[in-house]
Amino acid sequence: MTALHLEADHLRAIAQALTACYPSEGCGLLLGRRTFAVEDTKETGRTVSGIVPVANAWEPSLLGYTDVEGREQSHSQRDRYWIDPADLLAVQRQAREQGLEIIGIYHSHPDHGAVPSECDRALAWPVYSYVIVSVVQGEVTDLKSWRLDEQNQFQPEPVKMIGSSTNKAPFLS
């Protein structure tokens, strides 16, 4: 299993961006590089070089949800996020200019655990790491990274601290 490598400054910046959005979900993009084994093309890890907070562009008209009986379900930025495709493309262009790529997406779960929802899974792309941050009463309490497997199910991805300030964040489990 690959690991996601982050510096403490990245964790602090993610935490600040997401607590500022509370009680709504906040989101952003992880820029960096993937590493591969020399002997084959198997990915061995991802290293974050920067984070880019983006606006949560969720609005109820984006996706129509119904329950099992066909009743429409209302959602808001309190329990959904959406990254505007124009923002995604703009950040992707900037990343390429710096020799980087988008390696992941981060978002918060206000007053809920750092576990992917069914909506998270349904909208996820297998190429990205998905960092989910639990923000409870405006404070970060947990951070976990997830990757989709071949069966389109989320699996935990280890998060490793790197850099000169490798003190483990209290919310990193």
N, C-alpha and C. Protein backbone atom coordinates (compact mmCIF):
# COMPACT_ATOMS: atom_id res chain seq x y z
N MET A 1 0.85 -1.19 0.00
CA MET A 1 0.00 0.00 0.00
C MET A 1 0.88 1.24 0.00
N THR A 2 0.51 2.19 -0.80
CA THR A 2 1.23 3.45 -0.85
C THR A 2 0.96 4.25 0.43
N ALA A 3 1.79 5.25 0.66
CA ALA A 3 1.59 6.16 1.79
C ALA A 3 1.56 7.59 1.27
N LEU A 4 0.87 8.44 1.99
CA LEU A 4 0.83 9.86 1.68
C LEU A 4 1.78 10.56 2.64
N HIS A 5 2.76 11.28 2.10
CA HIS A 5 3.77 11.96 2.90
C HIS A 5 3.47 13.46 2.94
N LEU A 6 3.37 14.00 4.17
CA LEU A 6 3.03 15.41 4.39
C LEU A 6 3.97 16.03 5.41
N GLU A 7 4.20 17.32 5.28
CA GLU A 7 4.93 18.06 6.31
C GLU A 7 3.93 18.63 7.31
N ALA A 8 4.41 18.92 8.50
CA ALA A 8 3.55 19.50 9.55
C ALA A 8 2.91 20.80 9.09
N ASP A 9 3.64 21.60 8.30
CA ASP A 9 3.08 22.86 7.79
C ASP A 9 1.87 22.61 6.90
N HIS A 10 1.90 21.52 6.13
CA HIS A 10 0.75 21.19 5.29
C HIS A 10 -0.46 20.84 6.16
N LEU A 11 -0.21 20.05 7.20
CA LEU A 11 -1.31 19.69 8.11
C LEU A 11 -1.91 20.92 8.78
N ARG A 12 -1.05 21.82 9.21
CA ARG A 12 -1.54 23.05 9.86
C ARG A 12 -2.37 23.89 8.88
N ALA A 13 -1.89 24.00 7.65
CA ALA A 13 -2.61 24.79 6.65
C ALA A 13 -3.95 24.17 6.31
N ILE A 14 -3.99 22.85 6.19
CA ILE A 14 -5.25 22.15 5.93
C ILE A 14 -6.21 22.38 7.10
N ALA A 15 -5.72 22.22 8.32
CA ALA A 15 -6.56 22.40 9.51
C ALA A 15 -7.11 23.82 9.57
N GLN A 16 -6.27 24.82 9.31
CA GLN A 16 -6.73 26.21 9.34
C GLN A 16 -7.80 26.47 8.28
N ALA A 17 -7.56 25.98 7.08
CA ALA A 17 -8.52 26.20 5.99
C ALA A 17 -9.87 25.56 6.31
N LEU A 18 -9.84 24.36 6.86
CA LEU A 18 -11.09 23.64 7.10
C LEU A 18 -11.84 24.14 8.33
N THR A 19 -11.13 24.54 9.37
CA THR A 19 -11.83 25.09 10.53
C THR A 19 -12.46 26.44 10.19
N ALA A 20 -11.86 27.18 9.26
CA ALA A 20 -12.43 28.46 8.84
C ALA A 20 -13.76 28.27 8.10
N CYS A 21 -13.97 27.10 7.52
CA CYS A 21 -15.21 26.81 6.79
C CYS A 21 -16.32 26.28 7.68
N TYR A 22 -15.97 25.83 8.87
CA TYR A 22 -16.95 25.21 9.78
C TYR A 22 -18.10 26.17 10.04
N PRO A 23 -19.36 25.76 10.03
CA PRO A 23 -19.85 24.39 10.04
C PRO A 23 -20.08 23.77 8.66
N SER A 24 -19.65 24.47 7.59
CA SER A 24 -19.76 23.89 6.26
C SER A 24 -18.56 23.01 5.97
N GLU A 25 -18.69 22.16 4.97
CA GLU A 25 -17.54 21.38 4.52
C GLU A 25 -16.62 22.31 3.74
N GLY A 26 -15.33 22.18 4.02
CA GLY A 26 -14.32 22.88 3.25
C GLY A 26 -13.60 21.87 2.38
N CYS A 27 -12.87 22.37 1.38
CA CYS A 27 -12.18 21.45 0.49
C CYS A 27 -10.97 22.12 -0.14
N GLY A 28 -10.12 21.29 -0.71
CA GLY A 28 -8.93 21.79 -1.38
C GLY A 28 -8.20 20.67 -2.09
N LEU A 29 -7.11 21.05 -2.74
CA LEU A 29 -6.35 20.11 -3.56
C LEU A 29 -4.94 19.94 -3.00
N LEU A 30 -4.43 18.73 -3.14
CA LEU A 30 -3.07 18.40 -2.71
C LEU A 30 -2.19 18.32 -3.95
N LEU A 31 -1.13 19.12 -3.96
CA LEU A 31 -0.19 19.09 -5.08
C LEU A 31 1.07 18.36 -4.65
N GLY A 32 1.67 17.64 -5.58
CA GLY A 32 2.90 16.94 -5.24
C GLY A 32 3.33 16.01 -6.35
N ARG A 33 4.02 14.95 -5.92
CA ARG A 33 4.55 13.96 -6.86
C ARG A 33 4.28 12.56 -6.35
N ARG A 34 4.09 11.66 -7.31
CA ARG A 34 3.99 10.24 -6.99
C ARG A 34 5.37 9.62 -7.23
N THR A 35 5.71 8.62 -6.42
CA THR A 35 6.97 7.89 -6.62
C THR A 35 6.65 6.47 -7.05
N PHE A 36 7.57 5.90 -7.81
CA PHE A 36 7.37 4.57 -8.36
C PHE A 36 8.58 3.70 -8.08
N ALA A 37 8.35 2.39 -7.99
CA ALA A 37 9.44 1.43 -7.82
C ALA A 37 10.29 1.43 -9.08
N VAL A 38 11.59 1.31 -8.92
CA VAL A 38 12.51 1.32 -10.06
C VAL A 38 12.28 0.12 -10.96
N GLU A 39 12.03 -1.03 -10.36
CA GLU A 39 11.93 -2.28 -11.13
C GLU A 39 10.63 -2.44 -11.91
N ASP A 40 9.61 -1.69 -11.57
CA ASP A 40 8.35 -1.77 -12.33
C ASP A 40 7.63 -0.43 -12.23
N THR A 41 6.43 -0.39 -12.68
CA THR A 41 5.69 0.87 -12.69
C THR A 41 4.74 1.00 -11.51
N LYS A 42 4.93 0.18 -10.48
CA LYS A 42 4.03 0.21 -9.32
C LYS A 42 4.31 1.46 -8.48
N GLU A 43 3.23 2.19 -8.18
CA GLU A 43 3.36 3.38 -7.36
C GLU A 43 3.72 2.99 -5.93
N THR A 44 4.70 3.71 -5.35
CA THR A 44 5.14 3.39 -3.99
C THR A 44 4.79 4.47 -2.97
N GLY A 45 4.41 5.64 -3.42
CA GLY A 45 4.07 6.69 -2.47
C GLY A 45 3.71 7.99 -3.15
N ARG A 46 3.27 8.93 -2.32
CA ARG A 46 2.91 10.27 -2.79
C ARG A 46 3.45 11.26 -1.78
N THR A 47 4.07 12.32 -2.28
CA THR A 47 4.61 13.35 -1.41
C THR A 47 3.94 14.67 -1.74
N VAL A 48 3.34 15.27 -0.72
CA VAL A 48 2.66 16.55 -0.89
C VAL A 48 3.70 17.66 -0.87
N SER A 49 3.63 18.54 -1.88
CA SER A 49 4.51 19.71 -1.95
C SER A 49 3.77 21.00 -1.64
N GLY A 50 2.46 20.97 -1.77
CA GLY A 50 1.67 22.16 -1.49
C GLY A 50 0.19 21.83 -1.42
N ILE A 51 -0.54 22.72 -0.80
CA ILE A 51 -2.00 22.57 -0.74
C ILE A 51 -2.63 23.84 -1.30
N VAL A 52 -3.79 23.65 -1.92
CA VAL A 52 -4.52 24.78 -2.49
C VAL A 52 -5.97 24.71 -2.01
N PRO A 53 -6.35 25.55 -1.05
CA PRO A 53 -7.76 25.59 -0.66
C PRO A 53 -8.59 26.11 -1.83
N VAL A 54 -9.75 25.52 -2.04
CA VAL A 54 -10.67 26.00 -3.07
C VAL A 54 -12.05 26.17 -2.45
N ALA A 55 -12.86 26.98 -3.09
CA ALA A 55 -14.22 27.22 -2.58
C ALA A 55 -15.07 25.97 -2.73
N ASN A 56 -15.90 25.73 -1.74
CA ASN A 56 -16.89 24.67 -1.84
C ASN A 56 -18.01 25.20 -2.73
N ALA A 57 -18.10 24.65 -3.94
CA ALA A 57 -19.07 25.14 -4.93
C ALA A 57 -20.37 24.35 -4.91
N TRP A 58 -20.57 23.53 -3.85
CA TRP A 58 -21.80 22.72 -3.79
C TRP A 58 -23.03 23.61 -3.78
N GLU A 59 -24.00 23.22 -4.59
CA GLU A 59 -25.34 23.80 -4.53
C GLU A 59 -26.32 22.68 -4.81
N PRO A 60 -27.51 22.76 -4.23
CA PRO A 60 -28.46 21.64 -4.33
C PRO A 60 -28.77 21.18 -5.74
N SER A 61 -28.67 22.05 -6.72
CA SER A 61 -29.02 21.66 -8.09
C SER A 61 -27.96 20.79 -8.77
N LEU A 62 -26.80 20.61 -8.14
CA LEU A 62 -25.73 19.86 -8.80
C LEU A 62 -26.07 18.39 -9.02
N LEU A 63 -26.54 17.73 -8.01
CA LEU A 63 -26.85 16.30 -8.11
C LEU A 63 -28.21 16.06 -7.50
N GLY A 64 -29.05 15.35 -8.20
CA GLY A 64 -30.36 15.03 -7.65
C GLY A 64 -30.29 13.76 -6.83
N TYR A 65 -30.68 13.83 -5.59
CA TYR A 65 -30.67 12.66 -4.71
C TYR A 65 -32.09 12.28 -4.35
N THR A 66 -32.36 11.00 -4.37
CA THR A 66 -33.64 10.50 -3.90
C THR A 66 -33.39 9.35 -2.94
N ASP A 67 -34.31 9.15 -2.02
CA ASP A 67 -34.19 7.99 -1.13
C ASP A 67 -34.80 6.77 -1.82
N VAL A 68 -34.85 5.65 -1.13
CA VAL A 68 -35.33 4.40 -1.74
C VAL A 68 -36.78 4.49 -2.19
N GLU A 69 -37.52 5.43 -1.65
CA GLU A 69 -38.93 5.59 -2.04
C GLU A 69 -39.11 6.71 -3.06
N GLY A 70 -38.01 7.23 -3.59
CA GLY A 70 -38.08 8.24 -4.63
C GLY A 70 -38.25 9.66 -4.17
N ARG A 71 -38.18 9.90 -2.86
CA ARG A 71 -38.31 11.27 -2.34
C ARG A 71 -36.97 11.98 -2.47
N GLU A 72 -37.05 13.23 -2.89
CA GLU A 72 -35.82 14.00 -3.02
C GLU A 72 -35.20 14.25 -1.66
N GLN A 73 -33.90 14.18 -1.61
CA GLN A 73 -33.15 14.44 -0.38
C GLN A 73 -32.44 15.77 -0.53
N SER A 74 -32.54 16.61 0.46
CA SER A 74 -31.87 17.90 0.37
C SER A 74 -30.52 17.81 1.08
N HIS A 75 -29.55 18.38 0.44
CA HIS A 75 -28.21 18.45 1.01
C HIS A 75 -27.71 19.88 0.85
N SER A 76 -26.72 20.21 1.63
CA SER A 76 -26.16 21.56 1.60
C SER A 76 -24.65 21.46 1.78
N GLN A 77 -24.00 22.61 1.83
CA GLN A 77 -22.56 22.62 2.06
C GLN A 77 -22.21 22.10 3.45
N ARG A 78 -23.19 21.91 4.28
CA ARG A 78 -22.96 21.33 5.61
C ARG A 78 -22.59 19.86 5.50
N ASP A 79 -23.07 19.17 4.44
CA ASP A 79 -22.76 17.74 4.31
C ASP A 79 -22.33 17.34 2.90
N ARG A 80 -22.00 18.31 2.06
CA ARG A 80 -21.52 18.02 0.72
C ARG A 80 -20.48 19.06 0.32
N TYR A 81 -19.58 18.65 -0.57
CA TYR A 81 -18.66 19.61 -1.18
C TYR A 81 -18.58 19.31 -2.67
N TRP A 82 -18.19 20.31 -3.41
CA TRP A 82 -18.02 20.18 -4.86
C TRP A 82 -16.92 21.13 -5.26
N ILE A 83 -15.97 20.64 -6.02
CA ILE A 83 -14.91 21.50 -6.54
C ILE A 83 -15.29 21.86 -7.97
N ASP A 84 -15.39 23.16 -8.21
CA ASP A 84 -15.74 23.64 -9.55
C ASP A 84 -14.70 23.12 -10.54
N PRO A 85 -15.12 22.50 -11.63
CA PRO A 85 -14.16 21.99 -12.62
C PRO A 85 -13.20 23.07 -13.14
N ALA A 86 -13.66 24.32 -13.23
CA ALA A 86 -12.78 25.40 -13.67
C ALA A 86 -11.65 25.61 -12.66
N ASP A 87 -11.96 25.51 -11.36
CA ASP A 87 -10.92 25.61 -10.32
C ASP A 87 -9.94 24.46 -10.44
N LEU A 88 -10.46 23.25 -10.64
CA LEU A 88 -9.62 22.07 -10.77
C LEU A 88 -8.65 22.23 -11.94
N LEU A 89 -9.15 22.67 -13.09
CA LEU A 89 -8.29 22.84 -14.27
C LEU A 89 -7.26 23.94 -14.06
N ALA A 90 -7.66 25.04 -13.43
CA ALA A 90 -6.71 26.13 -13.18
C ALA A 90 -5.58 25.68 -12.27
N VAL A 91 -5.91 24.95 -11.21
CA VAL A 91 -4.88 24.46 -10.29
C VAL A 91 -4.01 23.42 -11.00
N GLN A 92 -4.62 22.58 -11.82
CA GLN A 92 -3.85 21.58 -12.56
C GLN A 92 -2.82 22.26 -13.48
N ARG A 93 -3.22 23.33 -14.16
CA ARG A 93 -2.28 24.08 -15.01
C ARG A 93 -1.13 24.65 -14.19
N GLN A 94 -1.46 25.27 -13.06
CA GLN A 94 -0.42 25.84 -12.20
C GLN A 94 0.53 24.76 -11.71
N ALA A 95 -0.03 23.62 -11.33
CA ALA A 95 0.80 22.52 -10.82
C ALA A 95 1.77 22.06 -11.91
N ARG A 96 1.28 21.87 -13.11
CA ARG A 96 2.14 21.40 -14.21
C ARG A 96 3.26 22.39 -14.49
N GLU A 97 2.97 23.68 -14.39
CA GLU A 97 4.01 24.69 -14.60
C GLU A 97 5.12 24.56 -13.57
N GLN A 98 4.80 24.02 -12.40
CA GLN A 98 5.78 23.83 -11.32
C GLN A 98 6.36 22.42 -11.32
N GLY A 99 6.01 21.60 -12.31
CA GLY A 99 6.48 20.22 -12.35
C GLY A 99 5.78 19.32 -11.35
N LEU A 100 4.58 19.71 -10.94
CA LEU A 100 3.81 18.94 -9.96
C LEU A 100 2.52 18.44 -10.60
N GLU A 101 1.76 17.68 -9.84
CA GLU A 101 0.44 17.24 -10.28
C GLU A 101 -0.50 17.26 -9.09
N ILE A 102 -1.78 17.22 -9.38
CA ILE A 102 -2.76 17.07 -8.31
C ILE A 102 -2.71 15.60 -7.90
N ILE A 103 -2.36 15.34 -6.64
CA ILE A 103 -2.27 13.96 -6.16
C ILE A 103 -3.41 13.61 -5.21
N GLY A 104 -4.19 14.61 -4.84
CA GLY A 104 -5.28 14.31 -3.92
C GLY A 104 -6.21 15.47 -3.68
N ILE A 105 -7.26 15.15 -2.97
CA ILE A 105 -8.29 16.11 -2.58
C ILE A 105 -8.48 15.98 -1.07
N TYR A 106 -8.61 17.12 -0.40
CA TYR A 106 -8.94 17.06 1.03
C TYR A 106 -10.26 17.77 1.26
N HIS A 107 -10.99 17.30 2.24
CA HIS A 107 -12.23 17.97 2.64
C HIS A 107 -12.57 17.61 4.07
N SER A 108 -13.48 18.39 4.64
CA SER A 108 -13.85 18.18 6.04
C SER A 108 -15.20 17.48 6.14
N HIS A 109 -15.37 16.83 7.28
CA HIS A 109 -16.66 16.29 7.70
C HIS A 109 -17.03 17.00 9.00
N PRO A 110 -17.84 18.07 8.91
CA PRO A 110 -18.22 18.79 10.12
C PRO A 110 -19.05 17.92 11.07
N ASP A 111 -18.55 17.80 12.29
CA ASP A 111 -19.23 17.06 13.35
C ASP A 111 -19.48 15.59 13.00
N HIS A 112 -18.63 15.04 12.17
CA HIS A 112 -18.67 13.62 11.80
C HIS A 112 -17.24 13.11 11.69
N GLY A 113 -17.10 11.79 11.66
CA GLY A 113 -15.79 11.16 11.61
C GLY A 113 -15.09 11.34 10.27
N ALA A 114 -13.80 11.04 10.27
CA ALA A 114 -12.96 11.16 9.07
C ALA A 114 -13.06 9.89 8.23
N VAL A 115 -14.29 9.48 7.97
CA VAL A 115 -14.58 8.25 7.22
C VAL A 115 -15.38 8.64 5.98
N PRO A 116 -15.05 8.09 4.82
CA PRO A 116 -15.77 8.47 3.60
C PRO A 116 -17.26 8.14 3.66
N SER A 117 -18.05 9.04 3.11
CA SER A 117 -19.48 8.79 2.97
C SER A 117 -19.71 8.04 1.65
N GLU A 118 -20.92 7.57 1.46
CA GLU A 118 -21.26 6.93 0.19
C GLU A 118 -21.14 7.93 -0.95
N CYS A 119 -21.50 9.19 -0.70
CA CYS A 119 -21.35 10.22 -1.72
C CYS A 119 -19.87 10.42 -2.05
N ASP A 120 -19.00 10.43 -1.03
CA ASP A 120 -17.56 10.54 -1.28
C ASP A 120 -17.10 9.43 -2.21
N ARG A 121 -17.55 8.21 -1.94
CA ARG A 121 -17.13 7.06 -2.75
C ARG A 121 -17.67 7.16 -4.17
N ALA A 122 -18.93 7.52 -4.29
CA ALA A 122 -19.56 7.57 -5.61
C ALA A 122 -18.91 8.60 -6.53
N LEU A 123 -18.39 9.67 -5.96
CA LEU A 123 -17.81 10.74 -6.77
C LEU A 123 -16.29 10.71 -6.85
N ALA A 124 -15.66 9.74 -6.19
CA ALA A 124 -14.20 9.68 -6.13
C ALA A 124 -13.60 9.15 -7.42
N TRP A 125 -12.36 9.57 -7.68
CA TRP A 125 -11.57 9.09 -8.81
C TRP A 125 -10.42 8.26 -8.25
N PRO A 126 -10.12 7.13 -8.86
CA PRO A 126 -9.09 6.24 -8.30
C PRO A 126 -7.67 6.79 -8.32
N VAL A 127 -7.42 7.85 -9.06
CA VAL A 127 -6.06 8.38 -9.16
C VAL A 127 -5.67 9.25 -7.96
N TYR A 128 -6.63 9.63 -7.13
CA TYR A 128 -6.35 10.57 -6.06
C TYR A 128 -6.34 9.93 -4.68
N SER A 129 -5.58 10.56 -3.78
CA SER A 129 -5.71 10.32 -2.34
C SER A 129 -6.82 11.24 -1.86
N TYR A 130 -7.62 10.75 -0.91
CA TYR A 130 -8.71 11.55 -0.35
C TYR A 130 -8.47 11.72 1.15
N VAL A 131 -8.04 12.91 1.53
CA VAL A 131 -7.82 13.22 2.94
C VAL A 131 -9.12 13.78 3.50
N ILE A 132 -9.63 13.12 4.52
CA ILE A 132 -10.86 13.56 5.18
C ILE A 132 -10.51 13.99 6.60
N VAL A 133 -10.96 15.18 6.96
CA VAL A 133 -10.65 15.76 8.25
C VAL A 133 -11.95 15.93 9.03
N SER A 134 -11.98 15.37 10.23
CA SER A 134 -13.13 15.53 11.11
C SER A 134 -12.96 16.84 11.87
N VAL A 135 -13.95 17.73 11.73
CA VAL A 135 -13.96 19.00 12.45
C VAL A 135 -15.18 18.99 13.36
N VAL A 136 -14.94 18.91 14.65
CA VAL A 136 -16.01 18.82 15.64
C VAL A 136 -16.04 20.11 16.45
N GLN A 137 -17.19 20.78 16.45
CA GLN A 137 -17.35 22.04 17.17
C GLN A 137 -16.23 23.03 16.81
N GLY A 138 -15.83 23.04 15.54
CA GLY A 138 -14.83 23.99 15.06
C GLY A 138 -13.39 23.59 15.30
N GLU A 139 -13.14 22.40 15.84
CA GLU A 139 -11.78 21.93 16.11
C GLU A 139 -11.50 20.64 15.34
N VAL A 140 -10.31 20.55 14.76
CA VAL A 140 -9.91 19.32 14.07
C VAL A 140 -9.67 18.24 15.11
N THR A 141 -10.32 17.09 14.92
CA THR A 141 -10.16 15.98 15.86
C THR A 141 -9.52 14.75 15.22
N ASP A 142 -9.53 14.66 13.90
CA ASP A 142 -8.97 13.48 13.24
C ASP A 142 -8.71 13.80 11.77
N LEU A 143 -7.74 13.09 11.21
CA LEU A 143 -7.41 13.20 9.80
C LEU A 143 -7.03 11.82 9.31
N LYS A 144 -7.63 11.42 8.21
CA LYS A 144 -7.30 10.12 7.60
C LYS A 144 -7.25 10.29 6.10
N SER A 145 -6.42 9.47 5.46
CA SER A 145 -6.35 9.46 4.00
C SER A 145 -6.89 8.14 3.49
N TRP A 146 -7.53 8.20 2.34
CA TRP A 146 -8.19 7.03 1.75
C TRP A 146 -7.88 6.96 0.26
N ARG A 147 -7.84 5.73 -0.26
CA ARG A 147 -7.68 5.49 -1.71
C ARG A 147 -8.70 4.46 -2.15
N LEU A 148 -9.19 4.62 -3.38
CA LEU A 148 -10.09 3.62 -3.93
C LEU A 148 -9.30 2.39 -4.37
N ASP A 149 -9.85 1.21 -4.10
CA ASP A 149 -9.21 -0.02 -4.57
C ASP A 149 -9.84 -0.44 -5.90
N GLU A 150 -9.45 -1.61 -6.40
CA GLU A 150 -9.94 -2.10 -7.70
C GLU A 150 -11.44 -2.36 -7.69
N GLN A 151 -12.03 -2.56 -6.53
CA GLN A 151 -13.47 -2.78 -6.42
C GLN A 151 -14.23 -1.48 -6.14
N ASN A 152 -13.55 -0.35 -6.30
CA ASN A 152 -14.15 0.96 -6.09
C ASN A 152 -14.61 1.16 -4.64
N GLN A 153 -13.86 0.59 -3.71
CA GLN A 153 -14.12 0.75 -2.28
C GLN A 153 -12.93 1.50 -1.67
N PHE A 154 -13.21 2.37 -0.72
CA PHE A 154 -12.14 3.10 -0.06
C PHE A 154 -11.37 2.18 0.88
N GLN A 155 -10.04 2.33 0.84
CA GLN A 155 -9.15 1.65 1.77
C GLN A 155 -8.29 2.72 2.45
N PRO A 156 -7.96 2.53 3.73
CA PRO A 156 -7.12 3.51 4.41
C PRO A 156 -5.75 3.61 3.75
N GLU A 157 -5.23 4.82 3.68
CA GLU A 157 -3.89 5.06 3.15
C GLU A 157 -3.05 5.63 4.30
N PRO A 158 -1.92 5.02 4.62
CA PRO A 158 -1.09 5.56 5.71
C PRO A 158 -0.66 7.00 5.43
N VAL A 159 -0.64 7.81 6.47
CA VAL A 159 -0.15 9.19 6.38
C VAL A 159 1.16 9.24 7.16
N LYS A 160 2.22 9.68 6.49
CA LYS A 160 3.55 9.76 7.10
C LYS A 160 3.99 11.21 7.17
N MET A 161 4.51 11.60 8.32
CA MET A 161 5.04 12.95 8.50
C MET A 161 6.47 13.00 7.99
N ILE A 162 6.80 14.07 7.27
CA ILE A 162 8.16 14.26 6.77
C ILE A 162 8.61 15.68 7.10
N GLY A 163 9.87 15.96 6.86
CA GLY A 163 10.40 17.30 7.05
C GLY A 163 11.04 17.49 8.40
N SER A 164 11.51 18.72 8.62
CA SER A 164 12.25 19.02 9.85
C SER A 164 11.35 19.06 11.07
N SER A 165 10.08 19.39 10.89
CA SER A 165 9.15 19.43 12.01
C SER A 165 8.21 18.24 11.91
N THR A 166 8.67 17.09 12.36
CA THR A 166 7.89 15.86 12.20
C THR A 166 7.09 15.49 13.44
N ASN A 167 6.90 16.46 14.35
CA ASN A 167 6.06 16.16 15.51
C ASN A 167 4.68 15.76 15.02
N LYS A 168 4.21 14.65 15.51
CA LYS A 168 2.91 14.14 15.09
C LYS A 168 1.80 15.07 15.57
N ALA A 169 0.91 15.42 14.65
CA ALA A 169 -0.23 16.26 15.00
C ALA A 169 -1.14 15.49 15.94
N PRO A 170 -1.70 16.14 16.97
CA PRO A 170 -2.55 15.42 17.92
C PRO A 170 -3.78 14.81 17.27
N PHE A 171 -4.23 15.37 16.14
CA PHE A 171 -5.42 14.85 15.49
C PHE A 171 -5.11 13.79 14.45
N LEU A 172 -3.84 13.46 14.24
CA LEU A 172 -3.46 12.47 13.24
C LEU A 172 -3.49 11.09 13.87
N SER A 173 -4.43 10.26 13.42
CA SER A 173 -4.53 8.91 13.99
C SER A 173 -3.85 7.89 13.11
